Amino acid sequence: MSDVYLIEVEGRSVGLVARDRDARGYRFHAALPEFYTIDSQLFRTPDEARLAARKIAEGRHGSVRKAA
């Protein structure tokens, strides 16, 4: 399994996740300001990070409300 994954949403690279061995998960590193809300957040899998980023992108378009 890889240690770093690029996270793409709607055809844009929005950040990456890198394995955090101490925390036993993947830490998100935002590449765009609208994704700073999840910057440094720990996810169990890269797919969980991708889902969180997708929710942010969908909220930006008004199609899905962001969870509180």
Protein backbone atom coordinates (compact mmCIF):
# COMPACT_ATOMS: atom_id res chain seq x y z
CA MET A 1 0.00 0.00 0.00
CA SER A 2 1.27 3.45 -0.91
CA ASP A 3 2.17 6.11 1.65
CA VAL A 4 0.90 9.13 -0.34
CA TYR A 5 -2.26 9.61 -2.42
CA LEU A 6 -3.40 12.56 -4.50
CA ILE A 7 -6.96 13.60 -3.71
CA GLU A 8 -8.96 14.80 -6.69
CA VAL A 9 -12.49 16.18 -6.74
CA GLU A 10 -14.35 17.25 -9.86
CA GLY A 11 -11.17 16.83 -11.90
CA ARG A 12 -9.12 19.13 -9.65
CA SER A 13 -6.25 18.16 -7.37
CA VAL A 14 -7.41 19.47 -3.99
CA GLY A 15 -4.75 17.96 -1.75
CA LEU A 16 -3.02 14.80 -0.77
CA VAL A 17 -2.98 12.36 2.10
CA ALA A 18 0.18 10.93 3.56
CA ARG A 19 0.37 7.95 5.87
CA ASP A 20 0.85 8.98 9.48
CA ARG A 21 2.32 5.86 11.03
CA ASP A 22 2.15 7.17 14.61
CA ALA A 23 -1.55 7.96 14.31
CA ARG A 24 -2.28 4.92 12.13
CA GLY A 25 -4.10 6.79 9.41
CA TYR A 26 -3.68 9.31 6.62
CA ARG A 27 -3.24 13.04 7.19
CA PHE A 28 -4.80 15.40 4.64
CA HIS A 29 -2.75 18.29 3.24
CA ALA A 30 -4.88 20.84 1.38
CA ALA A 31 -3.73 22.32 -1.91
CA LEU A 32 -6.59 24.81 -2.27
CA PRO A 33 -7.97 27.31 0.26
CA GLU A 34 -11.53 25.94 0.25
CA PHE A 35 -10.17 22.65 1.61
CA TYR A 36 -8.23 24.21 4.50
CA THR A 37 -11.07 23.20 6.82
CA ILE A 38 -9.84 19.61 6.67
CA ASP A 39 -6.12 20.43 6.39
CA SER A 40 -4.08 18.25 8.80
CA GLN A 41 -7.14 16.17 9.64
CA LEU A 42 -6.51 12.45 10.13
CA PHE A 43 -8.53 9.89 8.14
CA ARG A 44 -8.52 6.11 8.41
CA THR A 45 -8.25 5.67 4.64
CA PRO A 46 -7.55 7.81 1.58
CA ASP A 47 -11.15 7.18 0.46
CA GLU A 48 -12.47 8.76 3.66
CA ALA A 49 -10.41 11.87 2.92
CA ARG A 50 -11.69 11.93 -0.67
CA LEU A 51 -15.28 11.73 0.58
CA ALA A 52 -14.73 14.62 3.01
CA ALA A 53 -13.22 16.73 0.23
CA ARG A 54 -16.09 15.87 -2.09
CA LYS A 55 -18.61 17.00 0.55
CA ILE A 56 -16.81 20.33 0.80
CA ALA A 57 -16.90 20.74 -2.99
CA GLU A 58 -20.58 19.81 -3.17
CA GLY A 59 -21.38 22.27 -0.37
CA ARG A 60 -19.63 25.00 -2.32
CA HIS A 61 -22.05 24.36 -5.17
CA GLY A 62 -25.04 24.30 -2.82
CA SER A 63 -26.07 20.74 -3.68
CA VAL A 64 -25.19 19.26 -0.28
CA ARG A 65 -25.11 21.04 3.06
CA LYS A 66 -21.86 20.62 5.03
CA ALA A 67 -22.19 18.54 8.20
CA ALA A 68 -21.71 20.51 11.40
